[in-house]
């Protein structure tokens, strides 16, 4: 009975390992073509504009606070 339990535990561990590592079954042998460079779209520009606006607001708030 103990031998049967060891076999079941070993089989379970092997099956769990194969389930959690599916990339082994779909592995490829290298890149066919290099990836193109990703363009910087409007999202970065919007974040930059928001950061500049926030900085200006903080500067003006600090200036008003210093005057009081």
C-alpha atoms as a PDB file:
ATOM      1  CA  UNK A   1       0.000   0.000   0.000  1.00  0.00           C
ATOM      2  CA  UNK A   2       2.877   2.368   0.775  1.00  0.00           C
ATOM      3  CA  UNK A   3       4.432   1.637  -2.594  1.00  0.00           C
ATOM      4  CA  UNK A   4       1.169   2.504  -4.348  1.00  0.00           C
ATOM      5  CA  UNK A   5       0.980   5.821  -2.455  1.00  0.00           C
ATOM      6  CA  UNK A   6       4.549   6.765  -3.485  1.00  0.00           C
ATOM      7  CA  UNK A   7       3.751   6.060  -7.109  1.00  0.00           C
ATOM      8  CA  UNK A   8       0.571   8.180  -6.940  1.00  0.00           C
ATOM      9  CA  UNK A   9       2.427  11.097  -5.299  1.00  0.00           C
ATOM     10  CA  UNK A  10       5.202  10.934  -7.892  1.00  0.00           C
ATOM     11  CA  UNK A  11       2.700  10.804 -10.749  1.00  0.00           C
ATOM     12  CA  UNK A  12       0.765  13.747  -9.281  1.00  0.00           C
ATOM     13  CA  UNK A  13       3.912  15.844  -8.961  1.00  0.00           C
ATOM     14  CA  UNK A  14       4.921  15.079 -12.538  1.00  0.00           C
ATOM     15  CA  UNK A  15       1.455  15.900 -13.868  1.00  0.00           C
ATOM     16  CA  UNK A  16       1.296  19.149 -11.886  1.00  0.00           C
ATOM     17  CA  UNK A  17       4.722  20.119 -13.188  1.00  0.00           C
ATOM     18  CA  UNK A  18       3.649  19.518 -16.760  1.00  0.00           C
ATOM     19  CA  UNK A  19       0.463  21.526 -16.253  1.00  0.00           C
ATOM     20  CA  UNK A  20       2.303  24.532 -14.853  1.00  0.00           C
ATOM     21  CA  UNK A  21       4.973  24.622 -17.552  1.00  0.00           C
ATOM     22  CA  UNK A  22       3.084  24.584 -20.867  1.00  0.00           C
ATOM     23  CA  UNK A  23       5.725  26.679 -22.619  1.00  0.00           C
ATOM     24  CA  UNK A  24       7.903  23.604 -23.054  1.00  0.00           C
ATOM     25  CA  UNK A  25       5.346  22.105 -25.408  1.00  0.00           C
ATOM     26  CA  UNK A  26       5.104  25.247 -27.545  1.00  0.00           C
ATOM     27  CA  UNK A  27       8.793  26.184 -27.673  1.00  0.00           C
ATOM     28  CA  UNK A  28      10.215  27.495 -30.932  1.00  0.00           C
ATOM     29  CA  UNK A  29      13.772  27.630 -32.137  1.00  0.00           C
ATOM     30  CA  UNK A  30      14.482  31.366 -32.210  1.00  0.00           C
ATOM     31  CA  UNK A  31      13.133  34.497 -33.822  1.00  0.00           C
ATOM     32  CA  UNK A  32      12.308  34.473 -37.507  1.00  0.00           C
ATOM     33  CA  UNK A  33      12.524  38.276 -37.780  1.00  0.00           C
ATOM     34  CA  UNK A  34      13.520  40.928 -35.240  1.00  0.00           C
ATOM     35  CA  UNK A  35      10.719  42.800 -33.513  1.00  0.00           C
ATOM     36  CA  UNK A  36      10.046  46.295 -34.883  1.00  0.00           C
ATOM     37  CA  UNK A  37      10.610  49.270 -32.625  1.00  0.00           C
ATOM     38  CA  UNK A  38       7.503  50.335 -30.740  1.00  0.00           C
ATOM     39  CA  UNK A  39       6.330  53.856 -31.618  1.00  0.00           C
ATOM     40  CA  UNK A  40       5.776  56.430 -28.893  1.00  0.00           C
ATOM     41  CA  UNK A  41       2.112  57.268 -29.232  1.00  0.00           C
ATOM     42  CA  UNK A  42      -0.156  59.943 -27.765  1.00  0.00           C
ATOM     43  CA  UNK A  43      -0.263  58.282 -24.345  1.00  0.00           C
ATOM     44  CA  UNK A  44       3.246  59.412 -23.476  1.00  0.00           C
ATOM     45  CA  UNK A  45       2.459  62.932 -24.683  1.00  0.00           C
ATOM     46  CA  UNK A  46      -0.691  63.039 -22.562  1.00  0.00           C
ATOM     47  CA  UNK A  47       1.230  61.899 -19.476  1.00  0.00           C
ATOM     48  CA  UNK A  48       3.908  64.511 -20.134  1.00  0.00           C
ATOM     49  CA  UNK A  49       1.298  67.272 -20.512  1.00  0.00           C
ATOM     50  CA  UNK A  50      -0.462  66.161 -17.323  1.00  0.00           C
ATOM     51  CA  UNK A  51       2.845  66.184 -15.438  1.00  0.00           C
ATOM     52  CA  UNK A  52       3.695  69.684 -16.648  1.00  0.00           C
ATOM     53  CA  UNK A  53       0.220  70.929 -15.727  1.00  0.00           C
ATOM     54  CA  UNK A  54       0.467  69.383 -12.268  1.00  0.00           C
ATOM     55  CA  UNK A  55       3.895  70.951 -11.749  1.00  0.00           C
ATOM     56  CA  UNK A  56       2.615  74.392 -12.725  1.00  0.00           C
ATOM     57  CA  UNK A  57      -0.351  74.015 -10.353  1.00  0.00           C
ATOM     58  CA  UNK A  58       1.910  73.014  -7.450  1.00  0.00           C
ATOM     59  CA  UNK A  59       4.258  75.917  -8.212  1.00  0.00           C
ATOM     60  CA  UNK A  60       1.391  78.431  -8.187  1.00  0.00           C
ATOM     61  CA  UNK A  61      -0.106  76.939  -4.990  1.00  0.00           C
ATOM     62  CA  UNK A  62       3.278  77.174  -3.283  1.00  0.00           C
ATOM     63  CA  UNK A  63       3.715  80.764  -4.449  1.00  0.00           C
ATOM     64  CA  UNK A  64       0.278  81.741  -3.061  1.00  0.00           C
ATOM     65  CA  UNK A  65       1.006  80.024   0.243  1.00  0.00           C
ATOM     66  CA  UNK A  66       4.310  81.913   0.575  1.00  0.00           C
ATOM     67  CA  UNK A  67       2.538  85.256   0.007  1.00  0.00           C
ATOM     68  CA  UNK A  68       0.118  84.635   2.896  1.00  0.00           C
END
